[in-house]
Each structure stands twice: as structure tokens, then as C-alpha cells.
PDB file of all heavy atoms in Angstrom:
ATOM      1  N   PRO A   1       2.642  19.947 -17.447  1.00  0.00           N
ATOM      2  CA  PRO A   1       4.033  19.720 -17.032  1.00  0.00           C
ATOM      3  C   PRO A   1       4.164  18.988 -15.704  1.00  0.00           C
ATOM      4  O   PRO A   1       5.176  18.340 -15.461  1.00  0.00           O
ATOM      5  CB  PRO A   1       4.609  21.139 -16.944  1.00  0.00           C
ATOM      6  CG  PRO A   1       3.426  22.021 -16.767  1.00  0.00           C
ATOM      7  CD  PRO A   1       2.305  21.371 -17.504  1.00  0.00           C
ATOM      8  N   ASP A   2       3.154  19.085 -14.836  1.00  0.00           N
ATOM      9  CA  ASP A   2       3.239  18.432 -13.520  1.00  0.00           C
ATOM     10  C   ASP A   2       2.663  17.025 -13.610  1.00  0.00           C
ATOM     11  O   ASP A   2       1.637  16.700 -13.017  1.00  0.00           O
ATOM     12  CB  ASP A   2       2.490  19.262 -12.472  1.00  0.00           C
ATOM     13  CG  ASP A   2       2.906  18.885 -11.058  1.00  0.00           C
ATOM     14  OD1 ASP A   2       4.052  18.430 -10.876  1.00  0.00           O
ATOM     15  OD2 ASP A   2       2.087  19.051 -10.137  1.00  0.00           O
ATOM     16  N   ASN A   3       3.339  16.169 -14.383  1.00  0.00           N
ATOM     17  CA  ASN A   3       2.881  14.821 -14.675  1.00  0.00           C
ATOM     18  C   ASN A   3       3.809  13.823 -13.988  1.00  0.00           C
ATOM     19  O   ASN A   3       4.974  13.697 -14.360  1.00  0.00           O
ATOM     20  CB  ASN A   3       2.853  14.604 -16.194  1.00  0.00           C
ATOM     21  CG  ASN A   3       2.372  13.215 -16.590  1.00  0.00           C
ATOM     22  OD1 ASN A   3       1.937  12.430 -15.759  1.00  0.00           O
ATOM     23  ND2 ASN A   3       2.444  12.928 -17.876  1.00  0.00           N
ATOM     24  N   TRP A   4       3.299  13.126 -12.979  1.00  0.00           N
ATOM     25  CA  TRP A   4       4.113  12.196 -12.192  1.00  0.00           C
ATOM     26  C   TRP A   4       3.482  10.812 -12.201  1.00  0.00           C
ATOM     27  O   TRP A   4       2.257  10.670 -12.219  1.00  0.00           O
ATOM     28  CB  TRP A   4       4.212  12.673 -10.744  1.00  0.00           C
ATOM     29  CG  TRP A   4       4.999  13.925 -10.566  1.00  0.00           C
ATOM     30  CD1 TRP A   4       4.560  15.205 -10.743  1.00  0.00           C
ATOM     31  CD2 TRP A   4       6.373  14.029 -10.185  1.00  0.00           C
ATOM     32  NE1 TRP A   4       5.564  16.101 -10.495  1.00  0.00           N
ATOM     33  CE2 TRP A   4       6.687  15.409 -10.144  1.00  0.00           C
ATOM     34  CE3 TRP A   4       7.354  13.092  -9.868  1.00  0.00           C
ATOM     35  CZ2 TRP A   4       7.950  15.869  -9.803  1.00  0.00           C
ATOM     36  CZ3 TRP A   4       8.610  13.560  -9.514  1.00  0.00           C
ATOM     37  CH2 TRP A   4       8.905  14.927  -9.492  1.00  0.00           C
ATOM     38  N   THR A   5       4.316   9.798 -12.182  1.00  0.00           N
ATOM     39  CA  THR A   5       3.857   8.423 -11.996  1.00  0.00           C
ATOM     40  C   THR A   5       4.477   7.858 -10.728  1.00  0.00           C
ATOM     41  O   THR A   5       5.678   8.015 -10.494  1.00  0.00           O
ATOM     42  CB  THR A   5       4.226   7.532 -13.202  1.00  0.00           C
ATOM     43  OG1 THR A   5       3.483   7.977 -14.343  1.00  0.00           O
ATOM     44  CG2 THR A   5       3.870   6.071 -12.935  1.00  0.00           C
ATOM     45  N   ARG A   6       3.643   7.239  -9.936  1.00  0.00           N
ATOM     46  CA  ARG A   6       4.106   6.578  -8.707  1.00  0.00           C
ATOM     47  C   ARG A   6       4.344   5.104  -9.016  1.00  0.00           C
ATOM     48  O   ARG A   6       3.436   4.395  -9.471  1.00  0.00           O
ATOM     49  CB  ARG A   6       3.057   6.722  -7.610  1.00  0.00           C
ATOM     50  CG  ARG A   6       3.418   6.010  -6.307  1.00  0.00           C
ATOM     51  CD  ARG A   6       2.230   6.042  -5.365  1.00  0.00           C
ATOM     52  NE  ARG A   6       2.463   5.291  -4.140  1.00  0.00           N
ATOM     53  CZ  ARG A   6       1.502   4.842  -3.351  1.00  0.00           C
ATOM     54  NH1 ARG A   6       0.224   5.084  -3.650  1.00  0.00           N
ATOM     55  NH2 ARG A   6       1.797   4.164  -2.254  1.00  0.00           N
ATOM     56  N   PHE A   7       5.567   4.659  -8.815  1.00  0.00           N
ATOM     57  CA  PHE A   7       5.950   3.269  -9.018  1.00  0.00           C
ATOM     58  C   PHE A   7       6.103   2.577  -7.656  1.00  0.00           C
ATOM     59  O   PHE A   7       6.485   3.217  -6.669  1.00  0.00           O
ATOM     60  CB  PHE A   7       7.278   3.173  -9.775  1.00  0.00           C
ATOM     61  CG  PHE A   7       7.207   3.618 -11.212  1.00  0.00           C
ATOM     62  CD1 PHE A   7       7.369   4.953 -11.550  1.00  0.00           C
ATOM     63  CD2 PHE A   7       6.985   2.702 -12.230  1.00  0.00           C
ATOM     64  CE1 PHE A   7       7.321   5.375 -12.870  1.00  0.00           C
ATOM     65  CE2 PHE A   7       6.933   3.099 -13.556  1.00  0.00           C
ATOM     66  CZ  PHE A   7       7.101   4.449 -13.874  1.00  0.00           C
ATOM     67  N   LEU A   8       5.842   1.287  -7.634  1.00  0.00           N
ATOM     68  CA  LEU A   8       6.088   0.465  -6.462  1.00  0.00           C
ATOM     69  C   LEU A   8       7.146  -0.576  -6.795  1.00  0.00           C
ATOM     70  O   LEU A   8       7.204  -1.086  -7.923  1.00  0.00           O
ATOM     71  CB  LEU A   8       4.813  -0.250  -6.005  1.00  0.00           C
ATOM     72  CG  LEU A   8       3.633   0.617  -5.581  1.00  0.00           C
ATOM     73  CD1 LEU A   8       2.455  -0.280  -5.169  1.00  0.00           C
ATOM     74  CD2 LEU A   8       3.998   1.564  -4.446  1.00  0.00           C
ATOM     75  N   VAL A   9       7.976  -0.905  -5.809  1.00  0.00           N
ATOM     76  CA  VAL A   9       8.892  -2.044  -5.913  1.00  0.00           C
ATOM     77  C   VAL A   9       8.298  -3.156  -5.059  1.00  0.00           C
ATOM     78  O   VAL A   9       8.026  -2.960  -3.869  1.00  0.00           O
ATOM     79  CB  VAL A   9      10.300  -1.687  -5.414  1.00  0.00           C
ATOM     80  CG1 VAL A   9      11.221  -2.913  -5.486  1.00  0.00           C
ATOM     81  CG2 VAL A   9      10.883  -0.537  -6.235  1.00  0.00           C
ATOM     82  N   ILE A  10       8.050  -4.318  -5.673  1.00  0.00           N
ATOM     83  CA  ILE A  10       7.423  -5.434  -4.963  1.00  0.00           C
ATOM     84  C   ILE A  10       8.409  -6.578  -4.778  1.00  0.00           C
ATOM     85  O   ILE A  10       9.356  -6.742  -5.554  1.00  0.00           O
ATOM     86  CB  ILE A  10       6.168  -5.948  -5.705  1.00  0.00           C
ATOM     87  CG1 ILE A  10       6.518  -6.372  -7.140  1.00  0.00           C
ATOM     88  CG2 ILE A  10       5.086  -4.873  -5.716  1.00  0.00           C
ATOM     89  CD1 ILE A  10       5.357  -7.052  -7.880  1.00  0.00           C
ATOM     90  N   GLY A  11       8.208  -7.351  -3.705  1.00  0.00           N
ATOM     91  CA  GLY A  11       9.042  -8.505  -3.406  1.00  0.00           C
ATOM     92  C   GLY A  11       8.188  -9.651  -2.890  1.00  0.00           C
ATOM     93  O   GLY A  11       6.985  -9.491  -2.647  1.00  0.00           O
ATOM     94  N   PRO A  12       8.776 -10.827  -2.686  1.00  0.00           N
ATOM     95  CA  PRO A  12       8.004 -12.005  -2.277  1.00  0.00           C
ATOM     96  C   PRO A  12       7.654 -12.055  -0.801  1.00  0.00           C
ATOM     97  O   PRO A  12       6.824 -12.856  -0.386  1.00  0.00           O
ATOM     98  CB  PRO A  12       8.928 -13.169  -2.654  1.00  0.00           C
ATOM     99  CG  PRO A  12      10.305 -12.593  -2.544  1.00  0.00           C
ATOM    100  CD  PRO A  12      10.189 -11.162  -2.952  1.00  0.00           C
ATOM    101  N   ARG A  13       8.306 -11.194   0.013  1.00  0.00           N
ATOM    102  CA  ARG A  13       8.069 -11.182   1.461  1.00  0.00           C
ATOM    103  C   ARG A  13       7.976  -9.750   1.944  1.00  0.00           C
ATOM    104  O   ARG A  13       8.519  -8.845   1.304  1.00  0.00           O
ATOM    105  CB  ARG A  13       9.214 -11.905   2.201  1.00  0.00           C
ATOM    106  CG  ARG A  13       9.225 -13.415   2.003  1.00  0.00           C
ATOM    107  CD  ARG A  13      10.511 -14.026   2.531  1.00  0.00           C
ATOM    108  NE  ARG A  13      11.666 -13.586   1.765  1.00  0.00           N
ATOM    109  CZ  ARG A  13      12.039 -14.122   0.606  1.00  0.00           C
ATOM    110  NH1 ARG A  13      11.345 -15.120   0.094  1.00  0.00           N
ATOM    111  NH2 ARG A  13      13.098 -13.665  -0.045  1.00  0.00           N
ATOM    112  N   PRO A  14       7.343  -9.527   3.090  1.00  0.00           N
ATOM    113  CA  PRO A  14       7.315  -8.164   3.641  1.00  0.00           C
ATOM    114  C   PRO A  14       8.726  -7.674   3.949  1.00  0.00           C
ATOM    115  O   PRO A  14       9.596  -8.453   4.319  1.00  0.00           O
ATOM    116  CB  PRO A  14       6.493  -8.315   4.932  1.00  0.00           C
ATOM    117  CG  PRO A  14       5.725  -9.588   4.768  1.00  0.00           C
ATOM    118  CD  PRO A  14       6.583 -10.481   3.927  1.00  0.00           C
ATOM    119  N   GLY A  15       8.952  -6.368   3.796  1.00  0.00           N
ATOM    120  CA  GLY A  15      10.235  -5.785   4.172  1.00  0.00           C
ATOM    121  C   GLY A  15      10.407  -5.832   5.680  1.00  0.00           C
ATOM    122  O   GLY A  15       9.437  -5.883   6.432  1.00  0.00           O
ATOM    123  N   GLU A  16      11.664  -5.811   6.111  1.00  0.00           N
ATOM    124  CA  GLU A  16      11.948  -5.907   7.549  1.00  0.00           C
ATOM    125  C   GLU A  16      12.785  -4.733   8.008  1.00  0.00           C
ATOM    126  O   GLU A  16      13.643  -4.241   7.277  1.00  0.00           O
ATOM    127  CB  GLU A  16      12.687  -7.217   7.855  1.00  0.00           C
ATOM    128  CG  GLU A  16      11.867  -8.464   7.591  1.00  0.00           C
ATOM    129  CD  GLU A  16      12.633  -9.733   7.929  1.00  0.00           C
ATOM    130  OE1 GLU A  16      13.814  -9.615   8.334  1.00  0.00           O
ATOM    131  OE2 GLU A  16      12.075 -10.819   7.774  1.00  0.00           O
ATOM    132  N   GLY A  17      12.546  -4.298   9.252  1.00  0.00           N
ATOM    133  CA  GLY A  17      13.394  -3.309   9.916  1.00  0.00           C
ATOM    134  C   GLY A  17      13.257  -1.910   9.364  1.00  0.00           C
ATOM    135  O   GLY A  17      12.576  -1.657   8.375  1.00  0.00           O
ATOM    136  N   GLY A  18      13.890  -0.986  10.038  1.00  0.00           N
ATOM    137  CA  GLY A  18      13.979   0.379   9.562  1.00  0.00           C
ATOM    138  C   GLY A  18      12.745   1.223   9.793  1.00  0.00           C
ATOM    139  O   GLY A  18      11.705   0.744  10.234  1.00  0.00           O
ATOM    140  N   ASN A  19      12.883   2.507   9.498  1.00  0.00           N
ATOM    141  CA  ASN A  19      11.791   3.455   9.618  1.00  0.00           C
ATOM    142  C   ASN A  19      10.916   3.401   8.381  1.00  0.00           C
ATOM    143  O   ASN A  19      11.359   3.699   7.290  1.00  0.00           O
ATOM    144  CB  ASN A  19      12.327   4.881   9.765  1.00  0.00           C
ATOM    145  CG  ASN A  19      12.566   5.240  11.212  1.00  0.00           C
ATOM    146  OD1 ASN A  19      11.905   4.706  12.084  1.00  0.00           O
ATOM    147  ND2 ASN A  19      13.504   6.120  11.442  1.00  0.00           N
ATOM    148  N   ARG A  20       9.652   3.041   8.567  1.00  0.00           N
ATOM    149  CA  ARG A  20       8.729   2.949   7.444  1.00  0.00           C
ATOM    150  C   ARG A  20       7.568   3.906   7.690  1.00  0.00           C
ATOM    151  O   ARG A  20       6.956   3.884   8.751  1.00  0.00           O
ATOM    152  CB  ARG A  20       8.273   1.510   7.266  1.00  0.00           C
ATOM    153  CG  ARG A  20       9.431   0.630   6.786  1.00  0.00           C
ATOM    154  CD  ARG A  20       9.102  -0.830   6.762  1.00  0.00           C
ATOM    155  NE  ARG A  20       9.097  -1.395   8.103  1.00  0.00           N
ATOM    156  CZ  ARG A  20       8.909  -2.687   8.353  1.00  0.00           C
ATOM    157  NH1 ARG A  20       8.725  -3.523   7.350  1.00  0.00           N
ATOM    158  NH2 ARG A  20       8.905  -3.127   9.578  1.00  0.00           N
ATOM    159  N   ASP A  21       7.278   4.723   6.688  1.00  0.00           N
ATOM    160  CA  ASP A  21       6.323   5.812   6.863  1.00  0.00           C
ATOM    161  C   ASP A  21       4.914   5.467   6.409  1.00  0.00           C
ATOM    162  O   ASP A  21       3.954   6.113   6.805  1.00  0.00           O
ATOM    163  CB  ASP A  21       6.780   7.039   6.052  1.00  0.00           C
ATOM    164  CG  ASP A  21       8.272   7.284   6.167  1.00  0.00           C
ATOM    165  OD1 ASP A  21       8.714   7.564   7.273  1.00  0.00           O
ATOM    166  OD2 ASP A  21       8.980   7.189   5.147  1.00  0.00           O
ATOM    167  N   LYS A  22       4.798   4.460   5.532  1.00  0.00           N
ATOM    168  CA  LYS A  22       3.515   4.196   4.893  1.00  0.00           C
ATOM    169  C   LYS A  22       3.183   2.718   4.941  1.00  0.00           C
ATOM    170  O   LYS A  22       4.090   1.865   5.003  1.00  0.00           O
ATOM    171  CB  LYS A  22       3.542   4.664   3.432  1.00  0.00           C
ATOM    172  CG  LYS A  22       3.854   6.128   3.260  1.00  0.00           C
ATOM    173  CD  LYS A  22       3.960   6.529   1.804  1.00  0.00           C
ATOM    174  CE  LYS A  22       2.618   6.563   1.119  1.00  0.00           C
ATOM    175  NZ  LYS A  22       2.730   7.125  -0.252  1.00  0.00           N
ATOM    176  N   THR A  23       1.897   2.424   4.874  1.00  0.00           N
ATOM    177  CA  THR A  23       1.419   1.039   4.757  1.00  0.00           C
ATOM    178  C   THR A  23       0.303   1.018   3.726  1.00  0.00           C
ATOM    179  O   THR A  23      -0.552   1.911   3.705  1.00  0.00           O
ATOM    180  CB  THR A  23       0.889   0.511   6.097  1.00  0.00           C
ATOM    181  OG1 THR A  23       1.935   0.521   7.072  1.00  0.00           O
ATOM    182  CG2 THR A  23       0.363  -0.911   5.952  1.00  0.00           C
ATOM    183  N   SER A  24       0.315   0.004   2.860  1.00  0.00           N
ATOM    184  CA  SER A  24      -0.769  -0.199   1.896  1.00  0.00           C
ATOM    185  C   SER A  24      -1.542  -1.462   2.273  1.00  0.00           C
ATOM    186  O   SER A  24      -0.930  -2.476   2.649  1.00  0.00           O
ATOM    187  CB  SER A  24      -0.223  -0.340   0.474  1.00  0.00           C
ATOM    188  OG  SER A  24       0.364   0.875   0.040  1.00  0.00           O
ATOM    189  N   VAL A  25      -2.868  -1.393   2.207  1.00  0.00           N
ATOM    190  CA  VAL A  25      -3.704  -2.540   2.556  1.00  0.00           C
ATOM    191  C   VAL A  25      -4.795  -2.718   1.519  1.00  0.00           C
ATOM    192  O   VAL A  25      -5.195  -1.777   0.822  1.00  0.00           O
ATOM    193  CB  VAL A  25      -4.345  -2.379   3.966  1.00  0.00           C
ATOM    194  CG1 VAL A  25      -3.287  -2.234   5.039  1.00  0.00           C
ATOM    195  CG2 VAL A  25      -5.312  -1.206   3.997  1.00  0.00           C
ATOM    196  N   LEU A  26      -5.271  -3.957   1.418  1.00  0.00           N
ATOM    197  CA  LEU A  26      -6.471  -4.307   0.657  1.00  0.00           C
ATOM    198  C   LEU A  26      -7.498  -4.832   1.645  1.00  0.00           C
ATOM    199  O   LEU A  26      -7.171  -5.655   2.500  1.00  0.00           O
ATOM    200  CB  LEU A  26      -6.172  -5.403  -0.371  1.00  0.00           C
ATOM    201  CG  LEU A  26      -5.433  -5.049  -1.662  1.00  0.00           C
ATOM    202  CD1 LEU A  26      -5.170  -6.325  -2.449  1.00  0.00           C
ATOM    203  CD2 LEU A  26      -6.232  -4.068  -2.506  1.00  0.00           C
ATOM    204  N   PHE A  27      -8.747  -4.359   1.535  1.00  0.00           N
ATOM    205  CA  PHE A  27      -9.768  -4.901   2.421  1.00  0.00           C
ATOM    206  C   PHE A  27     -11.124  -4.917   1.736  1.00  0.00           C
ATOM    207  O   PHE A  27     -11.385  -4.156   0.792  1.00  0.00           O
ATOM    208  CB  PHE A  27      -9.839  -4.112   3.743  1.00  0.00           C
ATOM    209  CG  PHE A  27     -10.352  -2.700   3.616  1.00  0.00           C
ATOM    210  CD1 PHE A  27     -11.720  -2.415   3.724  1.00  0.00           C
ATOM    211  CD2 PHE A  27      -9.475  -1.639   3.422  1.00  0.00           C
ATOM    212  CE1 PHE A  27     -12.189  -1.105   3.620  1.00  0.00           C
ATOM    213  CE2 PHE A  27      -9.942  -0.335   3.329  1.00  0.00           C
ATOM    214  CZ  PHE A  27     -11.299  -0.062   3.427  1.00  0.00           C
ATOM    215  N   THR A  28     -11.972  -5.830   2.192  1.00  0.00           N
ATOM    216  CA  THR A  28     -13.376  -5.855   1.793  1.00  0.00           C
ATOM    217  C   THR A  28     -14.207  -5.711   3.067  1.00  0.00           C
ATOM    218  O   THR A  28     -13.711  -5.957   4.178  1.00  0.00           O
ATOM    219  CB  THR A  28     -13.742  -7.161   1.074  1.00  0.00           C
ATOM    220  OG1 THR A  28     -13.492  -8.269   1.956  1.00  0.00           O
ATOM    221  CG2 THR A  28     -12.921  -7.355  -0.191  1.00  0.00           C
ATOM    222  N   VAL A  29     -15.452  -5.295   2.898  1.00  0.00           N
ATOM    223  CA  VAL A  29     -16.315  -5.069   4.062  1.00  0.00           C
ATOM    224  C   VAL A  29     -17.562  -5.937   3.961  1.00  0.00           C
ATOM    225  O   VAL A  29     -17.972  -6.345   2.868  1.00  0.00           O
ATOM    226  CB  VAL A  29     -16.707  -3.582   4.177  1.00  0.00           C
ATOM    227  CG1 VAL A  29     -15.485  -2.721   4.440  1.00  0.00           C
ATOM    228  CG2 VAL A  29     -17.428  -3.099   2.924  1.00  0.00           C
ATOM    229  N   PRO A  30     -18.184  -6.251   5.094  1.00  0.00           N
ATOM    230  CA  PRO A  30     -19.441  -7.001   5.072  1.00  0.00           C
ATOM    231  C   PRO A  30     -20.519  -6.225   4.306  1.00  0.00           C
ATOM    232  O   PRO A  30     -20.491  -4.993   4.243  1.00  0.00           O
ATOM    233  CB  PRO A  30     -19.803  -7.123   6.557  1.00  0.00           C
ATOM    234  CG  PRO A  30     -18.532  -6.882   7.301  1.00  0.00           C
ATOM    235  CD  PRO A  30     -17.744  -5.936   6.463  1.00  0.00           C
ATOM    236  N   ASP A  31     -21.458  -6.965   3.726  1.00  0.00           N
ATOM    237  CA  ASP A  31     -22.547  -6.352   2.952  1.00  0.00           C
ATOM    238  C   ASP A  31     -23.654  -5.899   3.896  1.00  0.00           C
ATOM    239  O   ASP A  31     -24.682  -6.562   4.067  1.00  0.00           O
ATOM    240  CB  ASP A  31     -23.078  -7.361   1.926  1.00  0.00           C
ATOM    241  CG  ASP A  31     -24.065  -6.722   0.955  1.00  0.00           C
ATOM    242  OD1 ASP A  31     -24.222  -5.483   1.012  1.00  0.00           O
ATOM    243  OD2 ASP A  31     -24.681  -7.451   0.170  1.00  0.00           O
ATOM    244  N   LYS A  32     -23.422  -4.755   4.536  1.00  0.00           N
ATOM    245  CA  LYS A  32     -24.408  -4.215   5.467  1.00  0.00           C
ATOM    246  C   LYS A  32     -24.240  -2.699   5.543  1.00  0.00           C
ATOM    247  O   LYS A  32     -23.158  -2.167   5.261  1.00  0.00           O
ATOM    248  CB  LYS A  32     -24.232  -4.833   6.860  1.00  0.00           C
ATOM    249  CG  LYS A  32     -22.926  -4.476   7.545  1.00  0.00           C
ATOM    250  CD  LYS A  32     -22.840  -5.076   8.938  1.00  0.00           C
ATOM    251  CE  LYS A  32     -21.570  -4.598   9.664  1.00  0.00           C
ATOM    252  NZ  LYS A  32     -21.483  -5.158  11.030  1.00  0.00           N
ATOM    253  N   PRO A  33     -25.280  -1.971   5.904  1.00  0.00           N
ATOM    254  CA  PRO A  33     -25.187  -0.509   5.971  1.00  0.00           C
ATOM    255  C   PRO A  33     -24.119  -0.042   6.965  1.00  0.00           C
ATOM    256  O   PRO A  33     -24.001  -0.589   8.066  1.00  0.00           O
ATOM    257  CB  PRO A  33     -26.593  -0.083   6.442  1.00  0.00           C
ATOM    258  CG  PRO A  33     -27.479  -1.211   6.071  1.00  0.00           C
ATOM    259  CD  PRO A  33     -26.653  -2.446   6.192  1.00  0.00           C
ATOM    260  N   GLY A  34     -23.343   0.947   6.550  1.00  0.00           N
ATOM    261  CA  GLY A  34     -22.358   1.552   7.436  1.00  0.00           C
ATOM    262  C   GLY A  34     -21.076   0.780   7.607  1.00  0.00           C
ATOM    263  O   GLY A  34     -20.210   1.183   8.392  1.00  0.00           O
TER     264      GLY A  34
END
């Protein structure tokens, strides 16, 4: 019964202004230990 889906609303530019609680990022790392 506790089945939830998280949806995102996407746009062509970053949102502006206001109180924002979260940030999502994509990153890759160099091919080296640690």
C-alpha cells in the first residue's frame, strides 16, 4: 500500500528566485582511486 512515485517537472532553463530546498546534479569522476 505504501507505493509512491516521485515525478519531476522539467523546463528549458533553471528556475529563478524563491526558497529552494533541493538541488539535483549529474557528475562523473576521474578514473583514479578514491
